[in-house]
Amino acid sequence: MKHCIIIPTYNTGMILRKNVAEVLECFESVIVVVDGSNDGSDHQLETLSDTLKVIRLNENKGKGAAVLRGISVAHEQGYTHALTIDADGQHPVGQIGQYLSTSREHPEALILGVPIFDESAPALRKNGRKISNGWSNLVTLWWGISDSLFGMRVYPIAPLLKAFDSTSGGRRFDFDPEMAIRLCWMGLPTINLPTPVRYLSKEEGGVSQFRYLRDNTLLTGMYFRLILGFVLRFPGLFYRRLKRL
């Protein structure tokens, strides 16, 4: 097994260098994918470490597309597993060791973070993810996705590339739930790790790219696609499950 960490970023501002530096203190094989940023936040990254690889996309293509580029490069370099971490400081770098050790013990598994929110988390975000989690569990027959949206997770790279190849979706904000669902359809076991999460204030450098109408519309369309795909793929299982509800 060979792990790397992939950090997609888009206009993260002053917090980016600090976050990447903290990750490098925990693990040295790090790939940052700059998804068309135009705020200059990535300019000082390459001076952080000789082991840091920075990939720049010419235009903003979305989180999923950025991760796809990162894991494609990682696969070419011989990495077998990738831990994804958001660049906005929400994910605790102190948990990196636990994620990697769990992945080493269970190399076949998808390791999913389950957020433990504090008072900094917006109520709208906490309540909204309950809907996403419900749909994700429905279309996987409760395979084991405790949280479909949390971005700190370990992917076995080869199955993830196959999941990307099976769809033109999952390239933007829909990446996290769609890939988790498709990997469950492929039969990957899931392991859920409770993980503290903190939303940084603007004074602390916190930046959010989430847009309520745009991204919820994207997620709604994604779930319609996946429900249709699930019915066509597993019609008997789907109808038996509905009868039990």
C-alpha atoms as a PDB file:
ATOM      1  CA  MET A   1       0.000   0.000   0.000  1.00  0.00           C
ATOM      2  CA  LYS A   2       1.079   3.520  -0.723  1.00  0.00           C
ATOM      3  CA  HIS A   3      -0.904   6.499   0.573  1.00  0.00           C
ATOM      4  CA  CYS A   4      -1.014  10.136  -0.412  1.00  0.00           C
ATOM      5  CA  ILE A   5      -3.111  13.096   0.678  1.00  0.00           C
ATOM      6  CA  ILE A   6      -5.037  15.109  -1.902  1.00  0.00           C
ATOM      7  CA  ILE A   7      -6.199  18.646  -1.131  1.00  0.00           C
ATOM      8  CA  PRO A   8      -8.420  20.340  -3.738  1.00  0.00           C
ATOM      9  CA  THR A   9      -8.571  24.112  -3.397  1.00  0.00           C
ATOM     10  CA  TYR A  10     -10.359  27.031  -5.000  1.00  0.00           C
ATOM     11  CA  ASN A  11      -9.812  30.615  -3.805  1.00  0.00           C
ATOM     12  CA  THR A  12      -9.161  29.548  -0.218  1.00  0.00           C
ATOM     13  CA  GLY A  13      -7.304  32.739   0.613  1.00  0.00           C
ATOM     14  CA  MET A  14      -4.755  33.210   3.361  1.00  0.00           C
ATOM     15  CA  ILE A  15      -5.720  30.000   5.163  1.00  0.00           C
ATOM     16  CA  LEU A  16      -4.407  27.696   2.401  1.00  0.00           C
ATOM     17  CA  ARG A  17      -0.676  27.880   3.115  1.00  0.00           C
ATOM     18  CA  LYS A  18      -1.237  27.381   6.855  1.00  0.00           C
ATOM     19  CA  ASN A  19      -3.487  24.362   6.313  1.00  0.00           C
ATOM     20  CA  VAL A  20      -1.163  22.685   3.826  1.00  0.00           C
ATOM     21  CA  ALA A  21       1.822  23.281   6.121  1.00  0.00           C
ATOM     22  CA  GLU A  22      -0.028  21.592   8.993  1.00  0.00           C
ATOM     23  CA  VAL A  23      -0.857  18.590   6.804  1.00  0.00           C
ATOM     24  CA  LEU A  24       2.782  18.293   5.730  1.00  0.00           C
ATOM     25  CA  GLU A  25       3.822  18.124   9.386  1.00  0.00           C
ATOM     26  CA  CYS A  26       1.712  14.963   9.711  1.00  0.00           C
ATOM     27  CA  PHE A  27       2.408  13.311   6.354  1.00  0.00           C
ATOM     28  CA  GLU A  28       4.782  14.266   3.574  1.00  0.00           C
ATOM     29  CA  SER A  29       3.172  12.812   0.415  1.00  0.00           C
ATOM     30  CA  VAL A  30       0.728  15.608  -0.393  1.00  0.00           C
ATOM     31  CA  ILE A  31      -0.848  16.685  -3.685  1.00  0.00           C
ATOM     32  CA  VAL A  32      -2.620  20.048  -3.855  1.00  0.00           C
ATOM     33  CA  VAL A  33      -4.886  20.587  -6.860  1.00  0.00           C
ATOM     34  CA  VAL A  34      -5.486  24.290  -7.490  1.00  0.00           C
ATOM     35  CA  ASP A  35      -8.859  24.362  -9.207  1.00  0.00           C
ATOM     36  CA  GLY A  36      -8.541  27.539 -11.249  1.00  0.00           C
ATOM     37  CA  SER A  37      -7.937  29.825  -8.251  1.00  0.00           C
ATOM     38  CA  ASN A  38      -7.415  33.485  -9.100  1.00  0.00           C
ATOM     39  CA  ASP A  39      -6.836  34.887  -5.605  1.00  0.00           C
ATOM     40  CA  GLY A  40      -3.101  34.148  -5.522  1.00  0.00           C
ATOM     41  CA  SER A  41      -3.507  31.807  -2.556  1.00  0.00           C
ATOM     42  CA  ASP A  42      -1.336  29.105  -4.125  1.00  0.00           C
ATOM     43  CA  HIS A  43       1.704  31.223  -4.946  1.00  0.00           C
ATOM     44  CA  GLN A  44       3.758  30.294  -1.881  1.00  0.00           C
ATOM     45  CA  LEU A  45       2.855  26.619  -1.666  1.00  0.00           C
ATOM     46  CA  GLU A  46       5.825  25.156  -3.492  1.00  0.00           C
ATOM     47  CA  THR A  47       8.273  26.631  -0.988  1.00  0.00           C
ATOM     48  CA  LEU A  48       6.750  24.572   1.825  1.00  0.00           C
ATOM     49  CA  SER A  49       8.304  21.190   1.078  1.00  0.00           C
ATOM     50  CA  ASP A  50      10.163  19.247  -1.599  1.00  0.00           C
ATOM     51  CA  THR A  51       7.619  16.438  -1.186  1.00  0.00           C
ATOM     52  CA  LEU A  52       4.633  18.662  -1.978  1.00  0.00           C
ATOM     53  CA  LYS A  53       3.238  18.412  -5.507  1.00  0.00           C
ATOM     54  CA  VAL A  54       1.082  21.279  -6.781  1.00  0.00           C
ATOM     55  CA  ILE A  55      -1.178  20.751  -9.800  1.00  0.00           C
ATOM     56  CA  ARG A  56      -2.859  23.786 -11.360  1.00  0.00           C
ATOM     57  CA  LEU A  57      -6.014  23.678 -13.471  1.00  0.00           C
ATOM     58  CA  ASN A  58      -6.471  26.606 -15.849  1.00  0.00           C
ATOM     59  CA  GLU A  59     -10.129  27.087 -14.958  1.00  0.00           C
ATOM     60  CA  ASN A  60     -12.465  26.176 -12.142  1.00  0.00           C
ATOM     61  CA  LYS A  61     -13.902  22.739 -12.909  1.00  0.00           C
ATOM     62  CA  GLY A  62     -15.297  21.748  -9.520  1.00  0.00           C
ATOM     63  CA  LYS A  63     -14.162  19.739  -6.506  1.00  0.00           C
ATOM     64  CA  GLY A  64     -14.781  16.355  -8.093  1.00  0.00           C
ATOM     65  CA  ALA A  65     -12.868  17.237 -11.236  1.00  0.00           C
ATOM     66  CA  ALA A  66      -9.970  18.507  -9.125  1.00  0.00           C
ATOM     67  CA  VAL A  67      -9.870  15.303  -7.068  1.00  0.00           C
ATOM     68  CA  LEU A  68     -10.063  13.227 -10.265  1.00  0.00           C
ATOM     69  CA  ARG A  69      -7.020  15.037 -11.626  1.00  0.00           C
ATOM     70  CA  GLY A  70      -5.195  14.496  -8.343  1.00  0.00           C
ATOM     71  CA  ILE A  71      -5.920  10.787  -8.063  1.00  0.00           C
ATOM     72  CA  SER A  72      -5.067  10.246 -11.736  1.00  0.00           C
ATOM     73  CA  VAL A  73      -1.626  11.723 -11.109  1.00  0.00           C
ATOM     74  CA  ALA A  74      -1.311   9.766  -7.858  1.00  0.00           C
ATOM     75  CA  HIS A  75      -2.207   6.526  -9.659  1.00  0.00           C
ATOM     76  CA  GLU A  76       0.463   7.196 -12.286  1.00  0.00           C
ATOM     77  CA  GLN A  77       2.997   7.668  -9.477  1.00  0.00           C
ATOM     78  CA  GLY A  78       2.160   4.337  -7.865  1.00  0.00           C
ATOM     79  CA  TYR A  79      -0.100   5.450  -5.019  1.00  0.00           C
ATOM     80  CA  THR A  80      -2.862   2.993  -4.114  1.00  0.00           C
ATOM     81  CA  HIS A  81      -4.930   5.034  -1.646  1.00  0.00           C
ATOM     82  CA  ALA A  82      -5.726   8.721  -1.228  1.00  0.00           C
ATOM     83  CA  LEU A  83      -6.921  10.629   1.809  1.00  0.00           C
ATOM     84  CA  THR A  84      -8.881  13.694   0.720  1.00  0.00           C
ATOM     85  CA  ILE A  85      -8.924  16.770   2.944  1.00  0.00           C
ATOM     86  CA  ASP A  86     -10.645  20.088   2.287  1.00  0.00           C
ATOM     87  CA  ALA A  87      -8.466  23.178   2.126  1.00  0.00           C
ATOM     88  CA  ASP A  88     -10.646  25.403   4.294  1.00  0.00           C
ATOM     89  CA  GLY A  89      -9.412  24.268   7.700  1.00  0.00           C
ATOM     90  CA  GLN A  90     -12.562  22.395   8.736  1.00  0.00           C
ATOM     91  CA  HIS A  91     -10.931  18.970   8.817  1.00  0.00           C
ATOM     92  CA  PRO A  92      -8.626  18.185  11.767  1.00  0.00           C
ATOM     93  CA  VAL A  93      -5.112  17.269  10.638  1.00  0.00           C
ATOM     94  CA  GLY A  94      -4.615  15.556  13.988  1.00  0.00           C
ATOM     95  CA  GLN A  95      -6.906  12.773  12.731  1.00  0.00           C
ATOM     96  CA  ILE A  96      -4.754  11.969   9.687  1.00  0.00           C
ATOM     97  CA  GLY A  97      -2.876   9.185  11.479  1.00  0.00           C
ATOM     98  CA  GLN A  98      -6.108   7.448  12.482  1.00  0.00           C
ATOM     99  CA  TYR A  99      -7.443   7.551   8.927  1.00  0.00           C
ATOM    100  CA  LEU A 100      -4.245   6.159   7.437  1.00  0.00           C
ATOM    101  CA  SER A 101      -3.816   3.429  10.040  1.00  0.00           C
ATOM    102  CA  THR A 102      -7.436   2.339   9.591  1.00  0.00           C
ATOM    103  CA  SER A 103      -6.909   2.209   5.843  1.00  0.00           C
ATOM    104  CA  ARG A 104      -3.776   0.101   6.261  1.00  0.00           C
ATOM    105  CA  GLU A 105      -5.699  -2.353   8.439  1.00  0.00           C
ATOM    106  CA  HIS A 106      -8.553  -2.471   5.897  1.00  0.00           C
ATOM    107  CA  PRO A 107      -7.061  -1.731   2.467  1.00  0.00           C
ATOM    108  CA  GLU A 108     -10.211  -2.817   0.635  1.00  0.00           C
ATOM    109  CA  ALA A 109     -12.454  -0.363   2.499  1.00  0.00           C
ATOM    110  CA  LEU A 110     -13.797   3.110   1.884  1.00  0.00           C
ATOM    111  CA  ILE A 111     -12.987   5.094   5.041  1.00  0.00           C
ATOM    112  CA  LEU A 112     -15.643   7.760   5.615  1.00  0.00           C
ATOM    113  CA  GLY A 113     -15.492  10.580   8.112  1.00  0.00           C
ATOM    114  CA  VAL A 114     -18.566  11.291  10.207  1.00  0.00           C
ATOM    115  CA  PRO A 115     -18.594  14.927  11.393  1.00  0.00           C
ATOM    116  CA  ILE A 116     -18.920  15.820  15.054  1.00  0.00           C
ATOM    117  CA  PHE A 117     -20.117  19.418  14.933  1.00  0.00           C
ATOM    118  CA  ASP A 118     -19.502  22.103  17.509  1.00  0.00           C
ATOM    119  CA  GLU A 119     -21.345  25.377  17.958  1.00  0.00           C
ATOM    120  CA  SER A 120     -19.591  26.913  14.931  1.00  0.00           C
ATOM    121  CA  ALA A 121     -21.553  24.750  12.467  1.00  0.00           C
ATOM    122  CA  PRO A 122     -24.479  26.507  10.723  1.00  0.00           C
ATOM    123  CA  ALA A 123     -27.789  24.860  11.619  1.00  0.00           C
ATOM    124  CA  LEU A 124     -28.872  24.954   7.971  1.00  0.00           C
ATOM    125  CA  ARG A 125     -25.870  22.880   6.947  1.00  0.00           C
ATOM    126  CA  LYS A 126     -26.370  20.337   9.741  1.00  0.00           C
ATOM    127  CA  ASN A 127     -30.055  19.862   9.000  1.00  0.00           C
ATOM    128  CA  GLY A 128     -29.655  19.801   5.229  1.00  0.00           C
ATOM    129  CA  ARG A 129     -27.205  16.906   5.266  1.00  0.00           C
ATOM    130  CA  LYS A 130     -29.808  14.707   6.941  1.00  0.00           C
ATOM    131  CA  ILE A 131     -31.748  14.709   3.669  1.00  0.00           C
ATOM    132  CA  SER A 132     -28.650  13.825   1.666  1.00  0.00           C
ATOM    133  CA  ASN A 133     -27.777  11.024   4.080  1.00  0.00           C
ATOM    134  CA  GLY A 134     -31.292   9.613   3.837  1.00  0.00           C
ATOM    135  CA  TRP A 135     -31.196   9.441   0.051  1.00  0.00           C
ATOM    136  CA  SER A 136     -27.688   7.966   0.086  1.00  0.00           C
ATOM    137  CA  ASN A 137     -28.784   5.202   2.416  1.00  0.00           C
ATOM    138  CA  LEU A 138     -31.889   4.486   0.347  1.00  0.00           C
ATOM    139  CA  VAL A 139     -30.007   3.993  -2.916  1.00  0.00           C
ATOM    140  CA  THR A 140     -27.352   1.807  -1.238  1.00  0.00           C
ATOM    141  CA  LEU A 141     -29.829  -0.228   0.823  1.00  0.00           C
ATOM    142  CA  TRP A 142     -28.221   1.047   4.006  1.00  0.00           C
ATOM    143  CA  TRP A 143     -24.805  -0.289   3.006  1.00  0.00           C
ATOM    144  CA  GLY A 144     -23.041   1.848   5.589  1.00  0.00           C
ATOM    145  CA  ILE A 145     -22.764   5.543   4.660  1.00  0.00           C
ATOM    146  CA  SER A 146     -23.138   7.414   7.949  1.00  0.00           C
ATOM    147  CA  ASP A 147     -22.420  10.767   6.309  1.00  0.00           C
ATOM    148  CA  SER A 148     -22.494  11.322   2.552  1.00  0.00           C
ATOM    149  CA  LEU A 149     -21.104  14.866   2.393  1.00  0.00           C
ATOM    150  CA  PHE A 150     -18.093  14.951   4.701  1.00  0.00           C
ATOM    151  CA  GLY A 151     -14.998  15.328   2.543  1.00  0.00           C
ATOM    152  CA  MET A 152     -12.354  13.809   4.816  1.00  0.00           C
ATOM    153  CA  ARG A 153     -12.154  10.185   3.685  1.00  0.00           C
ATOM    154  CA  VAL A 154      -9.765   7.559   2.303  1.00  0.00           C
ATOM    155  CA  TYR A 155     -10.394   6.135  -1.160  1.00  0.00           C
ATOM    156  CA  PRO A 156      -8.801   3.067  -2.692  1.00  0.00           C
ATOM    157  CA  ILE A 157      -7.682   4.751  -5.907  1.00  0.00           C
ATOM    158  CA  ALA A 158      -8.341   2.014  -8.486  1.00  0.00           C
ATOM    159  CA  PRO A 159     -12.043   1.574  -7.574  1.00  0.00           C
ATOM    160  CA  LEU A 160     -12.505   5.350  -7.391  1.00  0.00           C
ATOM    161  CA  LEU A 161     -11.171   5.757 -10.924  1.00  0.00           C
ATOM    162  CA  LYS A 162     -13.620   3.073 -12.087  1.00  0.00           C
ATOM    163  CA  ALA A 163     -16.458   4.911 -10.345  1.00  0.00           C
ATOM    164  CA  PHE A 164     -15.511   8.123 -12.148  1.00  0.00           C
ATOM    165  CA  ASP A 165     -15.356   6.263 -15.466  1.00  0.00           C
ATOM    166  CA  SER A 166     -18.915   4.985 -14.942  1.00  0.00           C
ATOM    167  CA  THR A 167     -20.472   8.476 -14.948  1.00  0.00           C
ATOM    168  CA  SER A 168     -20.093  11.999 -16.230  1.00  0.00           C
ATOM    169  CA  GLY A 169     -21.387  13.262 -12.874  1.00  0.00           C
ATOM    170  CA  GLY A 170     -19.580  13.717  -9.582  1.00  0.00           C
ATOM    171  CA  ARG A 171     -17.329  16.450 -10.907  1.00  0.00           C
ATOM    172  CA  ARG A 172     -18.493  19.304  -8.705  1.00  0.00           C
ATOM    173  CA  PHE A 173     -20.124  19.549  -5.268  1.00  0.00           C
ATOM    174  CA  ASP A 174     -21.874  16.247  -5.992  1.00  0.00           C
ATOM    175  CA  PHE A 175     -18.520  14.428  -5.864  1.00  0.00           C
ATOM    176  CA  ASP A 176     -18.547  13.236  -2.246  1.00  0.00           C
ATOM    177  CA  PRO A 177     -22.020  11.636  -2.148  1.00  0.00           C
ATOM    178  CA  GLU A 178     -21.997  10.260  -5.693  1.00  0.00           C
ATOM    179  CA  MET A 179     -18.635   8.544  -5.411  1.00  0.00           C
ATOM    180  CA  ALA A 180     -19.501   7.082  -2.005  1.00  0.00           C
ATOM    181  CA  ILE A 181     -22.726   5.658  -3.439  1.00  0.00           C
ATOM    182  CA  ARG A 182     -21.067   4.243  -6.544  1.00  0.00           C
ATOM    183  CA  LEU A 183     -18.298   2.625  -4.495  1.00  0.00           C
ATOM    184  CA  CYS A 184     -20.954   0.997  -2.315  1.00  0.00           C
ATOM    185  CA  TRP A 185     -22.635  -0.292  -5.467  1.00  0.00           C
ATOM    186  CA  MET A 186     -19.271  -1.805  -6.384  1.00  0.00           C
ATOM    187  CA  GLY A 187     -19.282  -3.680  -3.083  1.00  0.00           C
ATOM    188  CA  LEU A 188     -16.598  -1.784  -1.150  1.00  0.00           C
ATOM    189  CA  PRO A 189     -17.031  -2.137   2.605  1.00  0.00           C
ATOM    190  CA  THR A 190     -17.346   1.128   4.515  1.00  0.00           C
ATOM    191  CA  ILE A 191     -15.779   2.151   7.797  1.00  0.00           C
ATOM    192  CA  ASN A 192     -17.083   5.310   9.467  1.00  0.00           C
ATOM    193  CA  LEU A 193     -14.781   7.389  11.658  1.00  0.00           C
ATOM    194  CA  PRO A 194     -16.258  10.067  13.963  1.00  0.00           C
ATOM    195  CA  THR A 195     -14.310  13.264  13.302  1.00  0.00           C
ATOM    196  CA  PRO A 196     -14.506  16.708  14.935  1.00  0.00           C
ATOM    197  CA  VAL A 197     -15.197  19.507  12.474  1.00  0.00           C
ATOM    198  CA  ARG A 198     -14.975  23.247  12.975  1.00  0.00           C
ATOM    199  CA  TYR A 199     -16.241  26.029  10.747  1.00  0.00           C
ATOM    200  CA  LEU A 200     -13.763  28.903  10.794  1.00  0.00           C
ATOM    201  CA  SER A 201     -15.053  32.447  11.032  1.00  0.00           C
ATOM    202  CA  LYS A 202     -14.162  35.078   8.430  1.00  0.00           C
ATOM    203  CA  GLU A 203     -11.776  36.636  10.964  1.00  0.00           C
ATOM    204  CA  GLU A 204      -9.951  33.301  11.175  1.00  0.00           C
ATOM    205  CA  GLY A 205      -9.692  33.075   7.397  1.00  0.00           C
ATOM    206  CA  GLY A 206     -12.683  30.805   6.890  1.00  0.00           C
ATOM    207  CA  VAL A 207     -13.947  30.608   3.306  1.00  0.00           C
ATOM    208  CA  SER A 208     -16.921  28.629   2.002  1.00  0.00           C
ATOM    209  CA  GLN A 209     -17.625  27.906  -1.662  1.00  0.00           C
ATOM    210  CA  PHE A 210     -21.009  26.356  -0.831  1.00  0.00           C
ATOM    211  CA  ARG A 211     -23.912  28.077  -2.599  1.00  0.00           C
ATOM    212  CA  TYR A 212     -27.244  26.976  -1.167  1.00  0.00           C
ATOM    213  CA  LEU A 213     -29.454  27.143  -4.280  1.00  0.00           C
ATOM    214  CA  ARG A 214     -26.837  26.091  -6.824  1.00  0.00           C
ATOM    215  CA  ASP A 215     -25.409  23.171  -4.879  1.00  0.00           C
ATOM    216  CA  ASN A 216     -28.697  21.836  -3.540  1.00  0.00           C
ATOM    217  CA  THR A 217     -30.095  21.900  -7.063  1.00  0.00           C
ATOM    218  CA  LEU A 218     -27.045  19.942  -8.203  1.00  0.00           C
ATOM    219  CA  LEU A 219     -27.517  17.390  -5.417  1.00  0.00           C
ATOM    220  CA  THR A 220     -31.217  17.014  -6.185  1.00  0.00           C
ATOM    221  CA  GLY A 221     -30.469  16.249  -9.826  1.00  0.00           C
ATOM    222  CA  MET A 222     -27.764  13.804  -8.778  1.00  0.00           C
ATOM    223  CA  TYR A 223     -30.111  11.844  -6.534  1.00  0.00           C
ATOM    224  CA  PHE A 224     -32.727  11.596  -9.286  1.00  0.00           C
ATOM    225  CA  ARG A 225     -30.043  10.177 -11.592  1.00  0.00           C
ATOM    226  CA  LEU A 226     -28.827   7.719  -8.981  1.00  0.00           C
ATOM    227  CA  ILE A 227     -32.299   6.580  -7.946  1.00  0.00           C
ATOM    228  CA  LEU A 228     -33.096   5.847 -11.581  1.00  0.00           C
ATOM    229  CA  GLY A 229     -29.775   4.042 -11.961  1.00  0.00           C
ATOM    230  CA  PHE A 230     -30.412   2.057  -8.800  1.00  0.00           C
ATOM    231  CA  VAL A 231     -33.908   0.974  -9.904  1.00  0.00           C
ATOM    232  CA  LEU A 232     -32.570  -0.143 -13.266  1.00  0.00           C
ATOM    233  CA  ARG A 233     -29.606  -1.938 -11.714  1.00  0.00           C
ATOM    234  CA  PHE A 234     -31.287  -3.577  -8.716  1.00  0.00           C
ATOM    235  CA  PRO A 235     -35.066  -3.563  -9.428  1.00  0.00           C
ATOM    236  CA  GLY A 236     -35.945  -6.502  -7.162  1.00  0.00           C
ATOM    237  CA  LEU A 237     -33.983  -5.195  -4.206  1.00  0.00           C
ATOM    238  CA  PHE A 238     -35.415  -1.708  -4.626  1.00  0.00           C
ATOM    239  CA  TYR A 239     -39.044  -2.804  -4.598  1.00  0.00           C
ATOM    240  CA  ARG A 240     -38.542  -5.188  -1.685  1.00  0.00           C
ATOM    241  CA  ARG A 241     -36.975  -2.384   0.303  1.00  0.00           C
ATOM    242  CA  LEU A 242     -39.834  -0.014  -0.490  1.00  0.00           C
ATOM    243  CA  LYS A 243     -42.363  -2.558   0.768  1.00  0.00           C
ATOM    244  CA  ARG A 244     -40.584  -2.637   4.131  1.00  0.00           C
ATOM    245  CA  LEU A 245     -40.731   1.138   4.600  1.00  0.00           C
END
